[in-house]
Protein backbone atom coordinates (compact mmCIF):
# COMPACT_ATOMS: atom_id res chain seq x y z
CA MET A 1 10.46 15.20 11.86
CA PHE A 2 7.29 13.25 11.18
CA ALA A 3 8.45 9.69 10.44
CA ASP A 4 6.30 8.48 7.58
CA ARG A 5 8.82 6.31 5.73
CA ALA A 6 11.17 3.55 6.84
CA ARG A 7 13.26 0.80 5.23
CA ILE A 8 13.58 -2.46 7.14
CA TYR A 9 14.75 -6.06 6.73
CA VAL A 10 12.49 -8.93 7.76
CA LYS A 11 13.13 -12.68 7.91
CA SER A 12 10.83 -15.56 8.76
CA GLY A 13 12.00 -18.52 10.84
CA LYS A 14 13.57 -21.64 9.31
CA GLY A 15 11.69 -24.88 9.76
CA GLY A 16 13.32 -27.37 12.15
CA ASP A 17 14.90 -30.48 10.64
CA GLY A 18 13.27 -33.85 11.04
CA HIS A 19 15.07 -36.25 13.39
CA VAL A 20 16.63 -39.64 12.70
CA SER A 21 16.40 -42.07 15.62
CA PHE A 22 15.26 -45.60 16.47
CA ARG A 23 13.47 -47.07 19.43
CA ARG A 24 15.81 -48.42 22.07
CA GLU A 25 13.74 -50.34 24.58
CA LYS A 26 14.49 -53.26 26.80
CA TYR A 27 13.71 -56.56 25.07
CA VAL A 28 13.26 -54.71 21.74
CA PRO A 29 16.69 -55.01 20.13
CA ASN A 30 15.63 -53.77 16.69
CA GLY A 31 13.08 -51.03 17.33
CA GLY A 32 11.61 -49.12 14.42
CA PRO A 33 12.21 -45.46 13.53
CA ASP A 34 10.88 -42.90 15.99
CA GLY A 35 12.41 -39.62 14.78
CA GLY A 36 10.08 -36.67 15.41
CA ASP A 37 9.17 -33.87 13.03
CA GLY A 38 10.84 -30.49 13.16
CA GLY A 39 8.88 -27.49 14.40
CA ASP A 40 7.59 -24.85 11.99
CA GLY A 41 9.43 -21.56 11.72
CA GLY A 42 7.82 -18.36 12.95
CA SER A 43 6.09 -16.00 10.54
CA VAL A 44 6.50 -12.25 9.99
CA ILE A 45 3.13 -10.61 10.68
CA PHE A 46 2.01 -6.98 10.42
CA GLU A 47 -0.86 -5.65 12.52
CA VAL A 48 -2.56 -2.26 12.70
CA GLU A 49 -2.17 -0.62 16.10
CA GLU A 50 -4.71 2.05 16.96
CA GLY A 51 -3.06 5.12 18.42
CA LEU A 52 0.13 4.84 16.37
CA ASN A 53 0.57 7.66 13.88
CA THR A 54 4.23 7.48 12.85
CA LEU A 55 6.81 4.91 11.77
CA THR A 56 9.40 6.28 14.18
CA ASP A 57 10.13 2.94 15.86
CA PHE A 58 11.23 1.42 12.56
CA ARG A 59 13.87 4.10 12.15
CA HIS A 60 15.64 2.91 15.28
CA ILE A 61 15.39 -0.85 14.73
CA ARG A 62 15.74 -1.99 11.13
CA LYS A 63 16.12 -5.78 11.36
CA TYR A 64 13.29 -8.12 12.44
CA CYS A 65 13.59 -11.91 12.53
CA ALA A 66 11.06 -14.54 13.57
CA GLY A 67 12.15 -17.59 15.57
CA SER A 68 13.31 -20.80 13.88
CA GLY A 69 11.67 -24.15 14.54
CA GLU A 70 13.50 -26.70 16.71
CA GLU A 71 14.73 -30.02 15.39
CA GLY A 72 12.53 -33.04 16.05
CA GLY A 73 13.51 -35.37 18.88
CA LYS A 74 13.50 -39.03 19.81
CA LYS A 75 10.34 -40.96 20.64
CA ASN A 76 8.35 -39.14 17.96
CA CYS A 77 8.75 -35.81 19.76
CA ARG A 78 7.99 -32.87 17.55
CA GLY A 79 10.28 -29.86 17.75
CA LYS A 80 8.96 -26.62 19.19
CA SER A 81 7.73 -24.13 16.62
CA GLY A 82 9.51 -20.79 16.33
CA GLU A 83 7.81 -17.66 17.63
CA ASP A 84 6.10 -15.32 15.19
CA ILE A 85 7.25 -11.73 15.10
CA VAL A 86 4.36 -9.25 15.04
CA LEU A 87 5.15 -5.73 13.83
CA LYS A 88 2.69 -3.00 14.83
CA VAL A 89 2.08 -0.23 12.26
CA PRO A 90 -0.30 2.74 11.98
CA HIS A 91 -3.51 2.47 10.00
CA GLY A 92 -2.72 3.55 6.43
CA THR A 93 0.76 2.00 6.19
CA VAL A 94 1.62 0.69 2.74
CA ILE A 95 4.21 -2.11 2.70
CA LYS A 96 6.34 -2.36 -0.44
CA GLU A 97 9.19 -4.54 -1.68
CA ALA A 98 12.11 -2.14 -1.39
CA GLU A 99 13.97 -2.82 -4.65
CA SER A 100 11.01 -2.80 -7.04
CA GLY A 101 8.76 -0.44 -5.08
CA LYS A 102 5.80 -2.77 -5.72
CA VAL A 103 3.00 -2.92 -3.15
CA ILE A 104 2.81 -6.07 -1.02
CA THR A 105 -0.08 -4.96 1.16
CA ASP A 106 -1.94 -1.86 2.29
CA MET A 107 -2.79 -1.88 5.99
CA SER A 108 -6.02 0.05 5.48
CA GLY A 109 -9.75 -0.57 5.54
CA GLU A 110 -10.51 -4.07 6.82
CA ASN A 111 -6.92 -5.26 6.42
CA ARG A 112 -5.87 -5.18 10.08
CA ARG A 113 -3.57 -8.23 10.12
CA PHE A 114 -1.36 -9.57 7.33
CA VAL A 115 1.01 -12.56 7.30
CA LEU A 116 3.79 -11.23 5.11
CA LEU A 117 6.28 -14.12 5.28
CA LYS A 118 5.24 -17.57 6.44
CA GLY A 119 7.77 -19.51 8.46
CA GLY A 120 9.41 -22.55 6.91
CA ARG A 121 7.59 -25.84 7.44
CA GLY A 122 9.26 -28.32 9.76
CA GLY A 123 10.81 -31.41 8.16
CA ASN A 124 9.43 -34.93 8.64
CA GLY A 125 11.25 -37.31 10.96
CA ASN A 126 12.47 -40.68 9.71
CA GLN A 127 9.33 -42.40 11.06
CA HIS A 128 7.52 -41.18 7.94
CA TYR A 129 9.83 -43.00 5.54
CA ALA A 130 9.57 -46.57 6.81
CA THR A 131 8.30 -49.00 4.17
CA SER A 132 7.93 -52.75 3.91
CA THR A 133 11.27 -52.91 2.09
CA MET A 134 13.08 -50.23 4.14
CA GLN A 135 12.13 -50.61 7.75
CA ALA A 136 15.05 -48.63 9.19
CA PRO A 137 15.33 -45.41 7.16
CA LYS A 138 18.30 -43.25 8.08
CA TYR A 139 16.89 -40.23 6.33
CA ALA A 140 14.82 -37.32 7.66
CA GLN A 141 13.53 -34.31 5.82
CA PRO A 142 15.25 -30.97 6.41
CA GLY A 143 13.11 -28.01 7.40
CA GLN A 144 12.15 -25.43 4.81
CA GLU A 145 14.47 -22.45 4.52
CA ALA A 146 13.62 -19.04 5.92
CA LYS A 147 12.40 -16.25 3.64
CA GLU A 148 13.74 -12.72 3.79
CA LEU A 149 12.83 -9.37 2.27
CA GLU A 150 13.87 -5.74 2.27
CA LEU A 151 10.75 -3.67 2.83
CA LEU A 152 9.80 -0.06 2.36
CA LEU A 153 7.10 1.14 4.77
CA GLU A 154 5.17 4.27 3.80
CA LEU A 155 2.47 5.90 5.88
CA LYS A 156 -0.13 7.52 3.64
CA VAL A 157 -2.63 9.63 5.57
CA ILE A 158 -6.24 8.49 5.19
CA ALA A 159 -8.48 11.49 4.60
CA ASP A 160 -11.40 12.33 2.34
CA VAL A 161 -10.10 15.76 1.43
CA GLY A 162 -6.58 17.04 0.86
CA LEU A 163 -5.83 20.71 1.52
CA VAL A 164 -3.00 21.94 -0.72
CA GLY A 165 -1.35 25.21 -1.59
CA PHE A 166 1.89 27.15 -1.30
CA PRO A 167 3.30 27.93 2.16
CA ASN A 168 1.64 30.81 4.02
CA VAL A 169 -1.64 30.79 2.10
CA GLY A 170 -3.56 30.10 5.33
CA LYS A 171 -4.14 26.35 5.29
CA SER A 172 -3.31 25.83 8.97
CA THR A 173 -5.54 28.72 10.00
CA PHE A 174 -8.37 27.28 7.89
CA LEU A 175 -7.92 23.78 9.39
CA ALA A 176 -7.92 25.17 12.94
CA ARG A 177 -11.16 27.04 12.23
CA VAL A 178 -13.15 24.20 10.64
CA THR A 179 -11.91 21.14 12.56
CA ASN A 180 -10.75 19.95 15.95
CA ALA A 181 -7.12 19.99 14.78
CA ARG A 182 -4.70 22.38 16.41
CA PRO A 183 -1.81 22.91 13.98
CA LYS A 184 1.08 25.25 14.69
CA ILE A 185 0.58 28.56 12.94
CA ALA A 186 3.35 31.01 12.12
CA ASN A 187 4.39 33.23 9.24
CA TYR A 188 7.35 31.39 7.76
CA HIS A 189 7.73 28.70 5.18
CA PHE A 190 7.41 25.05 6.10
CA THR A 191 5.85 25.78 9.47
CA THR A 192 3.90 22.55 9.04
CA LEU A 193 6.30 19.63 8.80
CA ASN A 194 3.75 16.86 9.12
CA PRO A 195 0.22 16.43 7.80
CA ASN A 196 -2.48 17.57 10.21
CA LEU A 197 -5.74 15.60 10.23
CA GLY A 198 -9.02 17.09 11.33
CA VAL A 199 -12.69 16.10 11.31
CA VAL A 200 -15.16 18.59 9.86
CA ASP A 201 -18.53 18.29 11.66
CA LEU A 202 -21.50 19.81 9.84
CA GLU A 203 -25.09 20.29 10.97
CA ASP A 204 -27.51 17.95 9.17
CA ALA A 205 -24.60 16.41 7.21
CA ASN A 206 -22.14 13.56 7.57
CA GLY A 207 -19.00 15.68 7.67
CA PHE A 208 -15.59 14.50 6.48
CA VAL A 209 -11.90 14.10 7.32
CA ILE A 210 -9.51 16.70 5.95
CA ALA A 211 -5.71 16.63 5.81
CA ASP A 212 -3.59 19.77 5.67
CA ILE A 213 -0.81 18.69 3.30
CA PRO A 214 2.23 20.83 4.16
CA GLY A 215 3.16 23.69 1.85
CA LEU A 216 4.37 22.52 -1.52
CA ILE A 217 6.97 24.27 -3.64
CA GLU A 218 7.90 23.99 -7.29
CA GLY A 219 10.05 20.91 -7.82
CA ALA A 220 8.32 18.99 -5.02
CA SER A 221 7.50 16.09 -7.35
CA GLU A 222 11.25 15.69 -7.96
CA GLY A 223 11.95 15.62 -4.25
CA VAL A 224 12.90 19.27 -3.87
CA GLY A 225 12.46 20.39 -0.27
CA LEU A 226 10.30 17.79 1.43
CA GLY A 227 8.18 17.17 -1.65
CA HIS A 228 8.01 13.38 -1.73
CA GLU A 229 7.50 13.20 2.01
CA PHE A 230 4.36 15.32 1.68
CA LEU A 231 2.93 14.35 -1.69
CA ARG A 232 2.40 10.71 -0.76
CA HIS A 233 -0.18 11.77 1.83
CA ILE A 234 -2.52 13.12 -0.82
CA GLU A 235 -2.69 9.84 -2.76
CA ARG A 236 -5.70 8.55 -0.80
CA THR A 237 -7.78 11.72 -0.89
CA LYS A 238 -10.90 11.81 -3.06
CA LEU A 239 -11.13 15.58 -3.43
CA ILE A 240 -8.71 18.48 -3.20
CA ILE A 241 -9.28 21.94 -1.74
CA HIS A 242 -6.74 24.15 -3.47
CA MET A 243 -6.09 27.21 -1.34
CA VAL A 244 -4.50 30.36 -2.74
CA ASP A 245 -3.59 33.76 -1.34
CA ALA A 246 -6.08 35.84 -3.32
CA ALA A 247 -4.70 39.05 -1.78
CA SER A 248 -1.15 38.26 -3.02
CA THR A 249 0.33 39.28 0.32
CA GLU A 250 3.69 37.81 -0.69
CA GLY A 251 3.57 39.21 -4.22
CA ARG A 252 2.71 35.95 -5.99
CA ASP A 253 0.05 35.59 -8.69
CA PRO A 254 -2.77 33.28 -7.45
CA LEU A 255 -3.32 31.84 -10.95
CA GLU A 256 0.36 30.97 -11.34
CA ASP A 257 0.31 29.36 -7.89
CA ILE A 258 -2.61 27.10 -8.83
CA TYR A 259 -0.98 25.97 -12.06
CA ALA A 260 2.36 25.40 -10.32
CA ILE A 261 0.84 23.16 -7.64
CA ASN A 262 -1.26 21.21 -10.16
CA LYS A 263 1.86 20.65 -12.24
CA GLU A 264 3.61 19.12 -9.21
CA LEU A 265 0.60 16.88 -8.46
CA GLU A 266 0.49 15.63 -12.05
CA ALA A 267 4.23 15.00 -12.17
CA TYR A 268 4.08 13.00 -8.94
CA ASN A 269 0.97 10.95 -9.79
CA PRO A 270 -1.27 11.75 -12.80
CA GLU A 271 -4.24 10.07 -11.06
CA ILE A 272 -4.17 12.75 -8.35
CA ALA A 273 -4.25 15.62 -10.84
CA VAL A 274 -7.61 14.52 -12.31
CA ARG A 275 -9.42 14.25 -8.98
CA PRO A 276 -12.12 16.86 -8.29
CA GLN A 277 -10.86 20.21 -7.01
CA VAL A 278 -12.39 23.31 -5.49
CA ILE A 279 -10.47 26.55 -5.14
CA ALA A 280 -10.52 28.45 -1.85
CA ALA A 281 -9.50 32.04 -2.58
CA ASN A 282 -8.32 32.98 0.89
CA LYS A 283 -7.46 36.27 2.63
CA THR A 284 -10.33 38.24 1.12
CA ASP A 285 -10.39 40.23 4.38
CA MET A 286 -7.09 41.81 3.32
CA PHE A 287 -8.33 43.34 0.06
CA ALA A 288 -7.89 47.10 -0.04
CA GLY A 289 -11.33 47.60 -1.53
CA ALA A 290 -14.25 46.05 -3.38
CA GLU A 291 -12.80 46.93 -6.80
CA GLU A 292 -9.59 45.01 -6.11
CA GLU A 293 -11.58 42.07 -4.72
CA ASN A 294 -13.76 41.86 -7.80
CA GLU A 295 -10.80 41.99 -10.17
CA THR A 296 -8.82 39.25 -8.39
CA LEU A 297 -11.75 36.87 -8.08
CA ARG A 298 -12.89 37.64 -11.62
CA ARG A 299 -9.55 36.47 -13.01
CA ILE A 300 -9.60 33.25 -10.96
CA ARG A 301 -13.22 32.50 -11.81
CA GLN A 302 -12.81 33.20 -15.52
CA GLU A 303 -9.83 30.87 -15.63
CA PHE A 304 -11.11 27.90 -13.66
CA GLU A 305 -14.91 27.83 -13.41
CA PRO A 306 -15.29 27.05 -17.17
CA LYS A 307 -13.14 23.97 -16.42
CA GLY A 308 -15.65 22.79 -13.82
CA ILE A 309 -13.59 23.95 -10.82
CA PRO A 310 -15.73 26.07 -8.44
CA VAL A 311 -14.13 29.08 -6.75
CA PHE A 312 -15.03 30.21 -3.21
CA PRO A 313 -13.83 33.55 -1.79
CA ILE A 314 -13.14 32.98 1.90
CA SER A 315 -11.39 34.38 4.92
CA ALA A 316 -9.91 31.71 7.18
CA VAL A 317 -9.45 34.40 9.85
CA SER A 318 -12.99 35.82 9.93
CA GLY A 319 -14.81 32.73 8.66
CA GLN A 320 -16.43 34.55 5.75
CA GLY A 321 -17.47 32.13 2.96
CA VAL A 322 -16.17 29.06 4.82
CA ARG A 323 -19.58 27.49 5.51
CA GLU A 324 -20.58 27.53 1.83
CA LEU A 325 -17.26 25.94 0.86
CA LEU A 326 -17.58 23.13 3.42
CA TYR A 327 -21.14 22.20 2.46
CA THR A 328 -20.23 22.15 -1.23
CA VAL A 329 -17.31 19.83 -0.51
CA ASN A 330 -19.54 17.59 1.61
CA ASN A 331 -22.11 17.35 -1.19
CA LEU A 332 -19.43 16.47 -3.74
CA LEU A 333 -18.13 13.71 -1.46
CA ALA A 334 -21.66 12.34 -1.03
CA GLU A 335 -21.84 11.81 -4.79
CA MET A 336 -18.61 9.81 -4.84
CA ASP A 337 -17.91 6.17 -4.09
CA ASP A 338 -17.55 5.88 -0.32
CA LYS A 339 -14.99 3.08 -0.55
CA PRO A 340 -11.56 4.10 0.74
CA VAL A 341 -8.66 4.33 -1.68
CA ILE A 342 -6.74 1.07 -1.20
CA PHE A 343 -3.51 0.22 -3.00
CA GLU A 344 -3.72 -3.18 -4.68
CA GLN A 345 -1.13 -5.90 -4.22
CA GLU A 346 1.55 -5.94 -6.92
CA TYR A 347 4.24 -8.11 -5.32
CA PHE A 348 3.71 -11.61 -3.94
CA PRO A 349 6.46 -12.77 -1.53
CA GLU A 350 5.25 -16.39 -1.62
CA PHE A 351 6.30 -16.64 -5.27
CA THR A 352 9.87 -15.41 -4.81
CA ALA A 353 11.31 -18.32 -2.87
CA LYS A 354 11.49 -20.79 -5.76
CA GLU A 355 10.52 -21.20 -9.38
CA GLU A 356 7.73 -23.73 -9.71
CA PRO A 357 7.22 -25.63 -12.99
CA TYR A 358 4.39 -25.00 -15.40
CA THR A 359 3.15 -26.58 -18.62
CA VAL A 360 1.79 -24.98 -21.78
CA LEU A 361 -0.05 -27.44 -24.06
CA TYR A 362 -2.53 -27.42 -26.93
CA ASP A 363 -5.70 -29.45 -26.38
CA GLU A 364 -6.59 -30.81 -29.83
CA LYS A 365 -10.00 -32.04 -28.71
CA GLU A 366 -11.16 -28.75 -27.16
CA LYS A 367 -9.13 -26.55 -29.54
CA GLU A 368 -7.74 -24.65 -26.56
CA TYR A 369 -4.33 -23.77 -25.20
CA VAL A 370 -3.96 -25.01 -21.62
CA ILE A 371 -1.63 -23.49 -19.00
CA GLU A 372 -1.16 -25.36 -15.73
CA GLY A 373 1.20 -25.46 -12.79
CA PRO A 374 1.14 -24.81 -9.03
CA ARG A 375 2.49 -21.28 -9.42
CA ILE A 376 -0.17 -20.42 -12.00
CA GLU A 377 -2.90 -21.77 -9.73
CA LYS A 378 -1.64 -19.78 -6.74
CA MET A 379 -1.35 -16.59 -8.75
CA LEU A 380 -4.92 -16.92 -9.99
CA GLY A 381 -6.06 -17.34 -6.41
CA TYR A 382 -4.28 -14.18 -5.28
CA THR A 383 -5.07 -11.89 -8.22
CA ASN A 384 -8.27 -9.92 -8.71
CA LEU A 385 -8.72 -10.36 -12.46
CA GLU A 386 -11.87 -8.21 -12.42
CA SER A 387 -9.82 -5.08 -11.74
CA GLU A 388 -7.81 -3.46 -14.49
CA LYS A 389 -4.65 -3.33 -12.37
CA GLY A 390 -5.04 -6.97 -11.34
CA PHE A 391 -5.52 -8.15 -14.92
CA THR A 392 -2.55 -6.09 -16.14
CA PHE A 393 -0.43 -7.52 -13.33
CA PHE A 394 -1.38 -11.08 -14.32
CA GLN A 395 -0.56 -10.36 -17.97
CA ASN A 396 2.88 -9.09 -16.94
CA PHE A 397 3.33 -12.20 -14.80
CA LEU A 398 2.67 -14.43 -17.85
CA LYS A 399 5.07 -12.36 -19.94
CA ASP A 400 7.88 -12.17 -17.36
CA ASN A 401 7.79 -15.94 -16.81
CA GLY A 402 8.06 -16.78 -20.52
CA ILE A 403 4.56 -18.23 -20.75
CA LEU A 404 3.48 -15.91 -23.57
CA ASP A 405 6.60 -16.94 -25.52
CA GLU A 406 5.64 -20.60 -25.07
CA LEU A 407 2.17 -19.88 -26.46
CA GLU A 408 3.72 -18.15 -29.47
CA LYS A 409 5.93 -21.16 -30.14
CA LEU A 410 2.86 -23.39 -30.18
CA GLY A 411 1.35 -21.17 -32.89
CA ILE A 412 -1.30 -19.29 -30.95
CA GLU A 413 -3.17 -16.61 -32.89
CA GLU A 414 -5.36 -13.70 -31.88
CA GLY A 415 -8.82 -14.84 -30.85
CA ASP A 416 -7.68 -18.32 -29.77
CA THR A 417 -8.82 -19.55 -26.36
CA VAL A 418 -6.46 -19.99 -23.39
CA ARG A 419 -7.64 -22.08 -20.42
CA MET A 420 -6.21 -21.93 -16.89
CA TYR A 421 -7.89 -23.92 -14.12
CA GLY A 422 -11.47 -23.43 -15.28
CA LEU A 423 -10.95 -19.85 -16.49
CA SER A 424 -10.94 -19.18 -20.24
CA PHE A 425 -9.54 -16.10 -22.03
CA ASP A 426 -9.36 -14.94 -25.61
CA TYR A 427 -5.75 -14.29 -26.65
CA TYR A 428 -4.85 -10.84 -27.95
CA LYS A 429 -1.44 -9.24 -28.26
């Protein structure tokens, strides 16, 4: 089975404790403090590894821990830092916090290396605490604690176009004809158990990457069959080729098939259902005659072309109509934003270790409500407020941490100004 999902436990290294010691040298009976600092703990780091295409390794080993920092030593010797643990994942892996399902990072695009959990900082030795009134401190700082998380890793195929349809409609045959992919082809359901990627090369055109998403069935969005395993791979695609068996070789109605698949896509993720689609009416070589062909295609065209969904009669076996379909898809892609679909960060591990204080005050002079605190400042630095998802996430952060309640207690009203580290917002419920 294609391993595209894994649940693992990761833990950064604890910082080494600072050391308490005093100089003991000949002729220096009362030497000062010389306790060294503890070493920093190792971090948990994810890196993209070219050539990897599954998460199989993470199904065999589920626990990953970085090294802890060593305690400081005498004579101002700093403890050795713990070793980082670097986990190699395929391009397109989305890392989520397991309990909430929120995205921590998406290892796609330019994101090739991500420090997920920083190791604990080493503690200061007692040499740092000597003062004019306390020249022999017997205290050293402990190292910072390790951080740990349960993670859910999901591999979401990166392709421009997703090829969907019921089993046995000819998707694998089509992919083998138009790309360099070599999928297994046989006449039984769920032949394809893992998404097949292929590159479509076109003359005088850029071409595109297409993914054959394995045959879906009704109930897939609820996890029936292997629904969830397959549906996640279509989340990155910009356009969908919806293939149907126009000849009804298995007795199914092509129109009902299209509506059934679209219903599953919408139930799984409504954003997918509104992406551009083209319909590939396959197996036209199996029509008994021209009259039957015209009737079948007429029904499909009358139903979907008024909705802006073009219909292409094709034969994946003979190649009839395939060229026109591919060039239309390529032109549609050329009109779209060429940025890859990247999942934005929703969960921030650095904010889970401890609750940091914040203040909510009213500035009488400026007539503004002011929110400050180290956690607020960090969150502003990590959140893209220009995106709708980022702004919504920050609003939820303010609500979940009781900050909006504090503003209400101070008497804030709609239209009042809220200031946070140089950024000003109008308050609306």
